[in-house]
Amino acid sequence: MAAQNSAGIQTLLDAEREAQKIVQKAREYRTKRVKDARSEAQKEIEDYRKQKEDEFQSFEKEHTSGNKAAEEQADKDTQKQLDEIKAIGEKTGPKVVQDLIKAVMTVQPKVPDRKV
């Protein structure tokens, strides 16, 4: 009877070890699948990001051409206005300087009004 009990216990221990091995393999498999899923998700994210970046680049290229024309026109207008301002400055500059010198050099003393 003791031999049968010992054999039965041994069988149970063997079954328990076998179950632990199966559980360990399942854990390893699950861990591997999680890692694989993460790497696949990361790859999909990178592909999606690249796709959207390409779309943005093409959109930007498409819409900046109109901006360049407007920018060039604004530069031309600005340059024209600057040239006009310089011409006016060259034309009236000496008179303005003379008026400033005259205003500084001509002293006109006045008695201040003191109201008490």
PDB file of N, CA and C in Angstrom:
ATOM      1  N   MET A   1       0.817  -1.165   0.000  1.00  0.00           N
ATOM      2  CA  MET A   1       0.000   0.000   0.000  1.00  0.00           C
ATOM      3  C   MET A   1       0.880   1.254   0.000  1.00  0.00           C
ATOM      4  N   ALA A   2       1.967   1.209   0.766  1.00  0.00           N
ATOM      5  CA  ALA A   2       2.865   2.345   0.832  1.00  0.00           C
ATOM      6  C   ALA A   2       3.494   2.600  -0.522  1.00  0.00           C
ATOM      7  N   ALA A   3       3.757   1.544  -1.262  1.00  0.00           N
ATOM      8  CA  ALA A   3       4.342   1.698  -2.582  1.00  0.00           C
ATOM      9  C   ALA A   3       3.346   2.343  -3.529  1.00  0.00           C
ATOM     10  N   GLN A   4       2.069   1.970  -3.384  1.00  0.00           N
ATOM     11  CA  GLN A   4       1.036   2.562  -4.234  1.00  0.00           C
ATOM     12  C   GLN A   4       0.865   4.052  -3.923  1.00  0.00           C
ATOM     13  N   ASN A   5       0.873   4.370  -2.601  1.00  0.00           N
ATOM     14  CA  ASN A   5       0.752   5.776  -2.200  1.00  0.00           C
ATOM     15  C   ASN A   5       1.950   6.574  -2.702  1.00  0.00           C
ATOM     16  N   SER A   6       3.148   5.982  -2.567  1.00  0.00           N
ATOM     17  CA  SER A   6       4.359   6.642  -3.010  1.00  0.00           C
ATOM     18  C   SER A   6       4.318   6.851  -4.518  1.00  0.00           C
ATOM     19  N   ALA A   7       3.851   5.835  -5.245  1.00  0.00           N
ATOM     20  CA  ALA A   7       3.749   5.942  -6.698  1.00  0.00           C
ATOM     21  C   ALA A   7       2.695   6.992  -7.066  1.00  0.00           C
ATOM     22  N   GLY A   8       1.599   7.045  -6.344  1.00  0.00           N
ATOM     23  CA  GLY A   8       0.547   8.035  -6.603  1.00  0.00           C
ATOM     24  C   GLY A   8       1.041   9.452  -6.330  1.00  0.00           C
ATOM     25  N   ILE A   9       1.783   9.604  -5.212  1.00  0.00           N
ATOM     26  CA  ILE A   9       2.337  10.921  -4.881  1.00  0.00           C
ATOM     27  C   ILE A   9       3.338  11.350  -5.947  1.00  0.00           C
ATOM     28  N   GLN A  10       4.171  10.393  -6.365  1.00  0.00           N
ATOM     29  CA  GLN A  10       5.167  10.691  -7.400  1.00  0.00           C
ATOM     30  C   GLN A  10       4.474  11.111  -8.700  1.00  0.00           C
ATOM     31  N   THR A  11       3.382  10.425  -9.029  1.00  0.00           N
ATOM     32  CA  THR A  11       2.626  10.760 -10.233  1.00  0.00           C
ATOM     33  C   THR A  11       2.053  12.175 -10.117  1.00  0.00           C
ATOM     34  N   LEU A  12       1.529  12.511  -8.956  1.00  0.00           N
ATOM     35  CA  LEU A  12       0.991  13.861  -8.738  1.00  0.00           C
ATOM     36  C   LEU A  12       2.097  14.915  -8.838  1.00  0.00           C
ATOM     37  N   LEU A  13       3.257  14.623  -8.246  1.00  0.00           N
ATOM     38  CA  LEU A  13       4.377  15.561  -8.322  1.00  0.00           C
ATOM     39  C   LEU A  13       4.832  15.757  -9.769  1.00  0.00           C
ATOM     40  N   ASP A  14       4.889  14.649 -10.508  1.00  0.00           N
ATOM     41  CA  ASP A  14       5.263  14.740 -11.924  1.00  0.00           C
ATOM     42  C   ASP A  14       4.238  15.584 -12.695  1.00  0.00           C
ATOM     43  N   ALA A  15       2.986  15.372 -12.414  1.00  0.00           N
ATOM     44  CA  ALA A  15       1.919  16.127 -13.076  1.00  0.00           C
ATOM     45  C   ALA A  15       2.017  17.612 -12.709  1.00  0.00           C
ATOM     46  N   GLU A  16       2.327  17.887 -11.454  1.00  0.00           N
ATOM     47  CA  GLU A  16       2.478  19.290 -11.017  1.00  0.00           C
ATOM     48  C   GLU A  16       3.657  19.945 -11.725  1.00  0.00           C
ATOM     49  N   ARG A  17       4.774  19.243 -11.828  1.00  0.00           N
ATOM     50  CA  ARG A  17       5.934  19.786 -12.540  1.00  0.00           C
ATOM     51  C   ARG A  17       5.599  20.043 -14.006  1.00  0.00           C
ATOM     52  N   GLU A  18       4.904  19.086 -14.587  1.00  0.00           N
ATOM     53  CA  GLU A  18       4.500  19.232 -15.986  1.00  0.00           C
ATOM     54  C   GLU A  18       3.569  20.446 -16.146  1.00  0.00           C
ATOM     55  N   ALA A  19       2.660  20.631 -15.206  1.00  0.00           N
ATOM     56  CA  ALA A  19       1.742  21.785 -15.250  1.00  0.00           C
ATOM     57  C   ALA A  19       2.525  23.087 -15.095  1.00  0.00           C
ATOM     58  N   GLN A  20       3.526  23.110 -14.202  1.00  0.00           N
ATOM     59  CA  GLN A  20       4.354  24.305 -14.033  1.00  0.00           C
ATOM     60  C   GLN A  20       5.104  24.640 -15.313  1.00  0.00           C
ATOM     61  N   LYS A  21       5.604  23.610 -15.999  1.00  0.00           N
ATOM     62  CA  LYS A  21       6.290  23.825 -17.265  1.00  0.00           C
ATOM     63  C   LYS A  21       5.334  24.425 -18.297  1.00  0.00           C
ATOM     64  N   ILE A  22       4.123  23.874 -18.339  1.00  0.00           N
ATOM     65  CA  ILE A  22       3.132  24.379 -19.296  1.00  0.00           C
ATOM     66  C   ILE A  22       2.782  25.836 -18.986  1.00  0.00           C
ATOM     67  N   VAL A  23       2.592  26.150 -17.693  1.00  0.00           N
ATOM     68  CA  VAL A  23       2.278  27.521 -17.285  1.00  0.00           C
ATOM     69  C   VAL A  23       3.443  28.448 -17.623  1.00  0.00           C
ATOM     70  N   GLN A  24       4.671  28.006 -17.380  1.00  0.00           N
ATOM     71  CA  GLN A  24       5.847  28.818 -17.690  1.00  0.00           C
ATOM     72  C   GLN A  24       5.942  29.083 -19.190  1.00  0.00           C
ATOM     73  N   LYS A  25       5.702  28.045 -19.997  1.00  0.00           N
ATOM     74  CA  LYS A  25       5.733  28.220 -21.448  1.00  0.00           C
ATOM     75  C   LYS A  25       4.639  29.203 -21.889  1.00  0.00           C
ATOM     76  N   ALA A  26       3.463  29.106 -21.262  1.00  0.00           N
ATOM     77  CA  ALA A  26       2.370  30.022 -21.605  1.00  0.00           C
ATOM     78  C   ALA A  26       2.745  31.457 -21.250  1.00  0.00           C
ATOM     79  N   ARG A  27       3.379  31.653 -20.103  1.00  0.00           N
ATOM     80  CA  ARG A  27       3.821  32.991 -19.708  1.00  0.00           C
ATOM     81  C   ARG A  27       4.855  33.537 -20.692  1.00  0.00           C
ATOM     82  N   GLU A  28       5.826  32.695 -21.050  1.00  0.00           N
ATOM     83  CA  GLU A  28       6.847  33.109 -22.001  1.00  0.00           C
ATOM     84  C   GLU A  28       6.227  33.463 -23.343  1.00  0.00           C
ATOM     85  N   TYR A  29       5.260  32.634 -23.769  1.00  0.00           N
ATOM     86  CA  TYR A  29       4.589  32.885 -25.040  1.00  0.00           C
ATOM     87  C   TYR A  29       3.822  34.209 -24.982  1.00  0.00           C
ATOM     88  N   ARG A  30       3.109  34.415 -23.862  1.00  0.00           N
ATOM     89  CA  ARG A  30       2.353  35.659 -23.710  1.00  0.00           C
ATOM     90  C   ARG A  30       3.293  36.875 -23.713  1.00  0.00           C
ATOM     91  N   THR A  31       4.408  36.774 -22.990  1.00  0.00           N
ATOM     92  CA  THR A  31       5.381  37.870 -22.954  1.00  0.00           C
ATOM     93  C   THR A  31       5.927  38.138 -24.351  1.00  0.00           C
ATOM     94  N   LYS A  32       6.230  37.075 -25.079  1.00  0.00           N
ATOM     95  CA  LYS A  32       6.739  37.225 -26.444  1.00  0.00           C
ATOM     96  C   LYS A  32       5.693  37.880 -27.336  1.00  0.00           C
ATOM     97  N   ARG A  33       4.432  37.465 -27.216  1.00  0.00           N
ATOM     98  CA  ARG A  33       3.368  38.048 -28.031  1.00  0.00           C
ATOM     99  C   ARG A  33       3.154  39.526 -27.697  1.00  0.00           C
ATOM    100  N   VAL A  34       3.266  39.889 -26.418  1.00  0.00           N
ATOM    101  CA  VAL A  34       3.118  41.294 -26.029  1.00  0.00           C
ATOM    102  C   VAL A  34       4.240  42.115 -26.648  1.00  0.00           C
ATOM    103  N   LYS A  35       5.463  41.600 -26.583  1.00  0.00           N
ATOM    104  CA  LYS A  35       6.597  42.315 -27.182  1.00  0.00           C
ATOM    105  C   LYS A  35       6.409  42.446 -28.689  1.00  0.00           C
ATOM    106  N   ASP A  36       5.974  41.357 -29.327  1.00  0.00           N
ATOM    107  CA  ASP A  36       5.736  41.396 -30.769  1.00  0.00           C
ATOM    108  C   ASP A  36       4.635  42.404 -31.114  1.00  0.00           C
ATOM    109  N   ALA A  37       3.580  42.409 -30.306  1.00  0.00           N
ATOM    110  CA  ALA A  37       2.477  43.338 -30.558  1.00  0.00           C
ATOM    111  C   ALA A  37       2.954  44.776 -30.395  1.00  0.00           C
ATOM    112  N   ARG A  38       3.780  45.032 -29.396  1.00  0.00           N
ATOM    113  CA  ARG A  38       4.314  46.388 -29.199  1.00  0.00           C
ATOM    114  C   ARG A  38       5.169  46.816 -30.388  1.00  0.00           C
ATOM    115  N   SER A  39       6.042  45.917 -30.830  1.00  0.00           N
ATOM    116  CA  SER A  39       6.903  46.283 -31.954  1.00  0.00           C
ATOM    117  C   SER A  39       6.080  46.478 -33.229  1.00  0.00           C
ATOM    118  N   GLU A  40       5.050  45.657 -33.443  1.00  0.00           N
ATOM    119  CA  GLU A  40       4.182  45.841 -34.607  1.00  0.00           C
ATOM    120  C   GLU A  40       3.438  47.175 -34.504  1.00  0.00           C
ATOM    121  N   ALA A  41       2.941  47.481 -33.312  1.00  0.00           N
ATOM    122  CA  ALA A  41       2.231  48.752 -33.116  1.00  0.00           C
ATOM    123  C   ALA A  41       3.178  49.928 -33.359  1.00  0.00           C
ATOM    124  N   GLN A  42       4.393  49.831 -32.854  1.00  0.00           N
ATOM    125  CA  GLN A  42       5.376  50.901 -33.056  1.00  0.00           C
ATOM    126  C   GLN A  42       5.671  51.081 -34.544  1.00  0.00           C
ATOM    127  N   LYS A  43       5.798  49.966 -35.257  1.00  0.00           N
ATOM    128  CA  LYS A  43       6.044  50.038 -36.695  1.00  0.00           C
ATOM    129  C   LYS A  43       4.862  50.701 -37.399  1.00  0.00           C
ATOM    130  N   GLU A  44       3.642  50.334 -37.027  1.00  0.00           N
ATOM    131  CA  GLU A  44       2.464  50.947 -37.623  1.00  0.00           C
ATOM    132  C   GLU A  44       2.413  52.445 -37.325  1.00  0.00           C
ATOM    133  N   ILE A  45       2.761  52.805 -36.109  1.00  0.00           N
ATOM    134  CA  ILE A  45       2.783  54.225 -35.722  1.00  0.00           C
ATOM    135  C   ILE A  45       3.802  54.977 -36.577  1.00  0.00           C
ATOM    136  N   GLU A  46       4.980  54.418 -36.736  1.00  0.00           N
ATOM    137  CA  GLU A  46       6.015  55.068 -37.546  1.00  0.00           C
ATOM    138  C   GLU A  46       5.578  55.194 -39.006  1.00  0.00           C
ATOM    139  N   ASP A  47       4.950  54.133 -39.545  1.00  0.00           N
ATOM    140  CA  ASP A  47       4.464  54.191 -40.925  1.00  0.00           C
ATOM    141  C   ASP A  47       3.400  55.276 -41.075  1.00  0.00           C
ATOM    142  N   TYR A  48       2.481  55.338 -40.114  1.00  0.00           N
ATOM    143  CA  TYR A  48       1.413  56.343 -40.146  1.00  0.00           C
ATOM    144  C   TYR A  48       1.998  57.742 -40.023  1.00  0.00           C
ATOM    145  N   ARG A  49       2.962  57.896 -39.130  1.00  0.00           N
ATOM    146  CA  ARG A  49       3.612  59.199 -38.951  1.00  0.00           C
ATOM    147  C   ARG A  49       4.304  59.631 -40.247  1.00  0.00           C
ATOM    148  N   LYS A  50       5.004  58.695 -40.883  1.00  0.00           N
ATOM    149  CA  LYS A  50       5.693  59.010 -42.140  1.00  0.00           C
ATOM    150  C   LYS A  50       4.693  59.385 -43.220  1.00  0.00           C
ATOM    151  N   GLN A  51       3.590  58.648 -43.292  1.00  0.00           N
ATOM    152  CA  GLN A  51       2.554  58.948 -44.277  1.00  0.00           C
ATOM    153  C   GLN A  51       2.003  60.356 -44.064  1.00  0.00           C
ATOM    154  N   LYS A  52       1.687  60.696 -42.823  1.00  0.00           N
ATOM    155  CA  LYS A  52       1.133  62.019 -42.525  1.00  0.00           C
ATOM    156  C   LYS A  52       2.176  63.112 -42.767  1.00  0.00           C
ATOM    157  N   GLU A  53       3.426  62.829 -42.468  1.00  0.00           N
ATOM    158  CA  GLU A  53       4.492  63.801 -42.724  1.00  0.00           C
ATOM    159  C   GLU A  53       4.623  64.055 -44.227  1.00  0.00           C
ATOM    160  N   ASP A  54       4.542  62.988 -45.029  1.00  0.00           N
ATOM    161  CA  ASP A  54       4.597  63.138 -46.483  1.00  0.00           C
ATOM    162  C   ASP A  54       3.408  63.955 -46.992  1.00  0.00           C
ATOM    163  N   GLU A  55       2.213  63.662 -46.438  1.00  0.00           N
ATOM    164  CA  GLU A  55       1.027  64.424 -46.828  1.00  0.00           C
ATOM    165  C   GLU A  55       1.202  65.898 -46.476  1.00  0.00           C
ATOM    166  N   PHE A  56       1.737  66.165 -45.306  1.00  0.00           N
ATOM    167  CA  PHE A  56       1.949  67.543 -44.875  1.00  0.00           C
ATOM    168  C   PHE A  56       2.949  68.245 -45.786  1.00  0.00           C
ATOM    169  N   GLN A  57       4.033  67.547 -46.135  1.00  0.00           N
ATOM    170  CA  GLN A  57       5.044  68.141 -47.008  1.00  0.00           C
ATOM    171  C   GLN A  57       4.437  68.500 -48.363  1.00  0.00           C
ATOM    172  N   SER A  58       3.633  67.587 -48.924  1.00  0.00           N
ATOM    173  CA  SER A  58       3.031  67.879 -50.226  1.00  0.00           C
ATOM    174  C   SER A  58       2.018  69.021 -50.104  1.00  0.00           C
ATOM    175  N   PHE A  59       1.252  69.046 -49.019  1.00  0.00           N
ATOM    176  CA  PHE A  59       0.291  70.138 -48.782  1.00  0.00           C
ATOM    177  C   PHE A  59       1.022  71.462 -48.653  1.00  0.00           C
ATOM    178  N   GLU A  60       2.107  71.448 -47.886  1.00  0.00           N
ATOM    179  CA  GLU A  60       2.878  72.666 -47.677  1.00  0.00           C
ATOM    180  C   GLU A  60       3.480  73.158 -48.998  1.00  0.00           C
ATOM    181  N   LYS A  61       4.029  72.235 -49.767  1.00  0.00           N
ATOM    182  CA  LYS A  61       4.628  72.601 -51.056  1.00  0.00           C
ATOM    183  C   LYS A  61       3.568  73.181 -51.988  1.00  0.00           C
ATOM    184  N   GLU A  62       2.378  72.592 -51.960  1.00  0.00           N
ATOM    185  CA  GLU A  62       1.287  73.031 -52.804  1.00  0.00           C
ATOM    186  C   GLU A  62       0.839  74.452 -52.451  1.00  0.00           C
ATOM    187  N   HIS A  63       0.804  74.749 -51.166  1.00  0.00           N
ATOM    188  CA  HIS A  63       0.248  76.022 -50.729  1.00  0.00           C
ATOM    189  C   HIS A  63       1.294  77.119 -50.525  1.00  0.00           C
ATOM    190  N   THR A  64       2.557  76.789 -50.482  1.00  0.00           N
ATOM    191  CA  THR A  64       3.563  77.834 -50.299  1.00  0.00           C
ATOM    192  C   THR A  64       3.886  78.543 -51.601  1.00  0.00           C
ATOM    193  N   SER A  65       3.555  77.936 -52.727  1.00  0.00           N
ATOM    194  CA  SER A  65       3.850  78.597 -54.003  1.00  0.00           C
ATOM    195  C   SER A  65       3.054  79.893 -54.115  1.00  0.00           C
ATOM    196  N   GLY A  66       1.812  79.908 -53.671  1.00  0.00           N
ATOM    197  CA  GLY A  66       1.009  81.128 -53.674  1.00  0.00           C
ATOM    198  C   GLY A  66       1.566  82.142 -52.700  1.00  0.00           C
ATOM    199  N   ASN A  67       2.078  81.671 -51.596  1.00  0.00           N
ATOM    200  CA  ASN A  67       2.660  82.568 -50.606  1.00  0.00           C
ATOM    201  C   ASN A  67       3.922  83.219 -51.148  1.00  0.00           C
ATOM    202  N   LYS A  68       4.688  82.492 -51.937  1.00  0.00           N
ATOM    203  CA  LYS A  68       5.922  83.063 -52.488  1.00  0.00           C
ATOM    204  C   LYS A  68       5.604  84.228 -53.409  1.00  0.00           C
ATOM    205  N   ALA A  69       4.574  84.073 -54.224  1.00  0.00           N
ATOM    206  CA  ALA A  69       4.206  85.156 -55.135  1.00  0.00           C
ATOM    207  C   ALA A  69       3.766  86.379 -54.334  1.00  0.00           C
ATOM    208  N   ALA A  70       2.964  86.159 -53.295  1.00  0.00           N
ATOM    209  CA  ALA A  70       2.518  87.272 -52.456  1.00  0.00           C
ATOM    210  C   ALA A  70       3.702  87.905 -51.729  1.00  0.00           C
ATOM    211  N   GLU A  71       4.628  87.064 -51.295  1.00  0.00           N
ATOM    212  CA  GLU A  71       5.813  87.569 -50.594  1.00  0.00           C
ATOM    213  C   GLU A  71       6.678  88.419 -51.528  1.00  0.00           C
ATOM    214  N   GLU A  72       6.853  87.964 -52.759  1.00  0.00           N
ATOM    215  CA  GLU A  72       7.636  88.733 -53.731  1.00  0.00           C
ATOM    216  C   GLU A  72       6.965  90.071 -54.029  1.00  0.00           C
ATOM    217  N   GLN A  73       5.635  90.058 -54.168  1.00  0.00           N
ATOM    218  CA  GLN A  73       4.911  91.294 -54.422  1.00  0.00           C
ATOM    219  C   GLN A  73       5.053  92.250 -53.239  1.00  0.00           C
ATOM    220  N   ALA A  74       4.969  91.716 -52.018  1.00  0.00           N
ATOM    221  CA  ALA A  74       5.128  92.551 -50.824  1.00  0.00           C
ATOM    222  C   ALA A  74       6.537  93.138 -50.770  1.00  0.00           C
ATOM    223  N   ASP A  75       7.541  92.337 -51.142  1.00  0.00           N
ATOM    224  CA  ASP A  75       8.916  92.846 -51.173  1.00  0.00           C
ATOM    225  C   ASP A  75       9.063  93.994 -52.180  1.00  0.00           C
ATOM    226  N   LYS A  76       8.436  93.834 -53.343  1.00  0.00           N
ATOM    227  CA  LYS A  76       8.506  94.888 -54.360  1.00  0.00           C
ATOM    228  C   LYS A  76       7.839  96.166 -53.846  1.00  0.00           C
ATOM    229  N   ASP A  77       6.651  96.000 -53.239  1.00  0.00           N
ATOM    230  CA  ASP A  77       5.939  97.172 -52.714  1.00  0.00           C
ATOM    231  C   ASP A  77       6.746  97.856 -51.621  1.00  0.00           C
ATOM    232  N   THR A  78       7.329  97.068 -50.759  1.00  0.00           N
ATOM    233  CA  THR A  78       8.136  97.621 -49.671  1.00  0.00           C
ATOM    234  C   THR A  78       9.335  98.379 -50.212  1.00  0.00           C
ATOM    235  N   GLN A  79      10.006  97.796 -51.190  1.00  0.00           N
ATOM    236  CA  GLN A  79      11.172  98.452 -51.782  1.00  0.00           C
ATOM    237  C   GLN A  79      10.772  99.763 -52.447  1.00  0.00           C
ATOM    238  N   LYS A  80       9.615  99.759 -53.115  1.00  0.00           N
ATOM    239  CA  LYS A  80       9.134 100.978 -53.773  1.00  0.00           C
ATOM    240  C   LYS A  80       8.873 102.072 -52.737  1.00  0.00           C
ATOM    241  N   GLN A  81       8.219 101.695 -51.629  1.00  0.00           N
ATOM    242  CA  GLN A  81       7.941 102.673 -50.576  1.00  0.00           C
ATOM    243  C   GLN A  81       9.229 103.188 -49.943  1.00  0.00           C
ATOM    244  N   LEU A  82      10.201 102.297 -49.725  1.00  0.00           N
ATOM    245  CA  LEU A  82      11.488 102.726 -49.170  1.00  0.00           C
ATOM    246  C   LEU A  82      12.188 103.708 -50.107  1.00  0.00           C
ATOM    247  N   ASP A  83      12.142 103.438 -51.398  1.00  0.00           N
ATOM    248  CA  ASP A  83      12.755 104.352 -52.372  1.00  0.00           C
ATOM    249  C   ASP A  83      12.081 105.722 -52.335  1.00  0.00           C
ATOM    250  N   GLU A  84      10.741 105.720 -52.204  1.00  0.00           N
ATOM    251  CA  GLU A  84      10.017 106.990 -52.121  1.00  0.00           C
ATOM    252  C   GLU A  84      10.425 107.761 -50.866  1.00  0.00           C
ATOM    253  N   ILE A  85      10.512 107.056 -49.748  1.00  0.00           N
ATOM    254  CA  ILE A  85      10.901 107.699 -48.486  1.00  0.00           C
ATOM    255  C   ILE A  85      12.308 108.271 -48.586  1.00  0.00           C
ATOM    256  N   LYS A  86      13.226 107.510 -49.200  1.00  0.00           N
ATOM    257  CA  LYS A  86      14.604 107.999 -49.361  1.00  0.00           C
ATOM    258  C   LYS A  86      14.637 109.242 -50.254  1.00  0.00           C
ATOM    259  N   ALA A  87      13.851 109.228 -51.325  1.00  0.00           N
ATOM    260  CA  ALA A  87      13.820 110.377 -52.230  1.00  0.00           C
ATOM    261  C   ALA A  87      13.300 111.611 -51.505  1.00  0.00           C
ATOM    262  N   ILE A  88      12.240 111.434 -50.722  1.00  0.00           N
ATOM    263  CA  ILE A  88      11.702 112.560 -49.947  1.00  0.00           C
ATOM    264  C   ILE A  88      12.738 113.039 -48.939  1.00  0.00           C
ATOM    265  N   GLY A  89      13.444 112.115 -48.307  1.00  0.00           N
ATOM    266  CA  GLY A  89      14.483 112.472 -47.340  1.00  0.00           C
ATOM    267  C   GLY A  89      15.611 113.242 -47.981  1.00  0.00           C
ATOM    268  N   GLU A  90      16.032 112.818 -49.161  1.00  0.00           N
ATOM    269  CA  GLU A  90      17.106 113.526 -49.857  1.00  0.00           C
ATOM    270  C   GLU A  90      16.653 114.915 -50.312  1.00  0.00           C
ATOM    271  N   LYS A  91      15.390 115.010 -50.665  1.00  0.00           N
ATOM    272  CA  LYS A  91      14.860 116.273 -51.160  1.00  0.00           C
ATOM    273  C   LYS A  91      14.682 117.289 -50.026  1.00  0.00           C
ATOM    274  N   THR A  92      14.122 116.840 -48.895  1.00  0.00           N
ATOM    275  CA  THR A  92      13.793 117.779 -47.818  1.00  0.00           C
ATOM    276  C   THR A  92      14.765 117.715 -46.648  1.00  0.00           C
ATOM    277  N   GLY A  93      15.709 116.802 -46.700  1.00  0.00           N
ATOM    278  CA  GLY A  93      16.652 116.625 -45.593  1.00  0.00           C
ATOM    279  C   GLY A  93      17.426 117.874 -45.223  1.00  0.00           C
ATOM    280  N   PRO A  94      18.085 118.545 -46.182  1.00  0.00           N
ATOM    281  CA  PRO A  94      18.864 119.736 -45.837  1.00  0.00           C
ATOM    282  C   PRO A  94      18.010 120.846 -45.200  1.00  0.00           C
ATOM    283  N   LYS A  95      16.774 121.016 -45.690  1.00  0.00           N
ATOM    284  CA  LYS A  95      15.903 122.042 -45.115  1.00  0.00           C
ATOM    285  C   LYS A  95      15.539 121.682 -43.679  1.00  0.00           C
ATOM    286  N   VAL A  96      15.265 120.401 -43.414  1.00  0.00           N
ATOM    287  CA  VAL A  96      14.917 119.970 -42.061  1.00  0.00           C
ATOM    288  C   VAL A  96      16.098 120.211 -41.126  1.00  0.00           C
ATOM    289  N   VAL A  97      17.304 119.912 -41.583  1.00  0.00           N
ATOM    290  CA  VAL A  97      18.491 120.130 -40.757  1.00  0.00           C
ATOM    291  C   VAL A  97      18.661 121.621 -40.477  1.00  0.00           C
ATOM    292  N   GLN A  98      18.492 122.455 -41.483  1.00  0.00           N
ATOM    293  CA  GLN A  98      18.602 123.906 -41.282  1.00  0.00           C
ATOM    294  C   GLN A  98      17.552 124.399 -40.290  1.00  0.00           C
ATOM    295  N   ASP A  99      16.334 123.893 -40.413  1.00  0.00           N
ATOM    296  CA  ASP A  99      15.272 124.305 -39.488  1.00  0.00           C
ATOM    297  C   ASP A  99      15.593 123.877 -38.061  1.00  0.00           C
ATOM    298  N   LEU A 100      16.136 122.693 -37.897  1.00  0.00           N
ATOM    299  CA  LEU A 100      16.509 122.214 -36.562  1.00  0.00           C
ATOM    300  C   LEU A 100      17.622 123.082 -35.973  1.00  0.00           C
ATOM    301  N   ILE A 101      18.632 123.359 -36.769  1.00  0.00           N
ATOM    302  CA  ILE A 101      19.750 124.193 -36.285  1.00  0.00           C
ATOM    303  C   ILE A 101      19.243 125.583 -35.930  1.00  0.00           C
ATOM    304  N   LYS A 102      18.391 126.122 -36.780  1.00  0.00           N
ATOM    305  CA  LYS A 102      17.834 127.449 -36.537  1.00  0.00           C
ATOM    306  C   LYS A 102      17.024 127.458 -35.238  1.00  0.00           C
ATOM    307  N   ALA A 103      16.231 126.416 -35.018  1.00  0.00           N
ATOM    308  CA  ALA A 103      15.400 126.350 -33.821  1.00  0.00           C
ATOM    309  C   ALA A 103      16.255 126.231 -32.567  1.00  0.00           C
ATOM    310  N   VAL A 104      17.356 125.518 -32.657  1.00  0.00           N
ATOM    311  CA  VAL A 104      18.221 125.336 -31.483  1.00  0.00           C
ATOM    312  C   VAL A 104      19.063 126.578 -31.241  1.00  0.00           C
ATOM    313  N   MET A 105      19.536 127.197 -32.285  1.00  0.00           N
ATOM    314  CA  MET A 105      20.454 128.322 -32.143  1.00  0.00           C
ATOM    315  C   MET A 105      19.748 129.655 -31.891  1.00  0.00           C
ATOM    316  N   THR A 106      18.531 129.776 -32.330  1.00  0.00           N
ATOM    317  CA  THR A 106      17.809 131.025 -32.119  1.00  0.00           C
ATOM    318  C   THR A 106      17.145 130.969 -30.758  1.00  0.00           C
ATOM    319  N   VAL A 107      17.601 131.851 -29.903  1.00  0.00           N
ATOM    320  CA  VAL A 107      17.067 131.882 -28.549  1.00  0.00           C
ATOM    321  C   VAL A 107      16.002 132.963 -28.487  1.00  0.00           C
ATOM    322  N   GLN A 108      14.873 132.628 -27.973  1.00  0.00           N
ATOM    323  CA  GLN A 108      13.797 133.590 -27.791  1.00  0.00           C
ATOM    324  C   GLN A 108      13.386 133.539 -26.327  1.00  0.00           C
ATOM    325  N   PRO A 109      13.990 134.385 -25.528  1.00  0.00           N
ATOM    326  CA  PRO A 109      13.655 134.342 -24.100  1.00  0.00           C
ATOM    327  C   PRO A 109      12.228 134.823 -23.850  1.00  0.00           C
ATOM    328  N   LYS A 110      11.570 134.119 -22.947  1.00  0.00           N
ATOM    329  CA  LYS A 110      10.222 134.468 -22.573  1.00  0.00           C
ATOM    330  C   LYS A 110      10.118 134.399 -21.071  1.00  0.00           C
ATOM    331  N   VAL A 111       9.348 135.231 -20.524  1.00  0.00           N
ATOM    332  CA  VAL A 111       9.097 135.188 -19.085  1.00  0.00           C
ATOM    333  C   VAL A 111       7.945 134.197 -18.885  1.00  0.00           C
ATOM    334  N   PRO A 112       8.170 133.233 -17.998  1.00  0.00           N
ATOM    335  CA  PRO A 112       7.107 132.250 -17.788  1.00  0.00           C
ATOM    336  C   PRO A 112       5.910 132.875 -17.071  1.00  0.00           C
ATOM    337  N   ASP A 113       4.763 132.403 -17.401  1.00  0.00           N
ATOM    338  CA  ASP A 113       3.548 132.860 -16.718  1.00  0.00           C
ATOM    339  C   ASP A 113       3.448 132.095 -15.402  1.00  0.00           C
ATOM    340  N   ARG A 114       3.397 132.869 -14.314  1.00  0.00           N
ATOM    341  CA  ARG A 114       3.247 132.217 -13.004  1.00  0.00           C
ATOM    342  C   ARG A 114       1.902 132.619 -12.436  1.00  0.00           C
ATOM    343  N   LYS A 115       1.108 131.661 -12.281  1.00  0.00           N
ATOM    344  CA  LYS A 115      -0.201 131.913 -11.701  1.00  0.00           C
ATOM    345  C   LYS A 115      -0.184 131.437 -10.264  1.00  0.00           C
ATOM    346  N   VAL A 116      -0.524 132.323  -9.391  1.00  0.00           N
ATOM    347  CA  VAL A 116      -0.488 132.012  -7.962  1.00  0.00           C
ATOM    348  C   VAL A 116      -1.861 131.818  -7.424  1.00  0.00           C
TER     349      VAL A 116
END
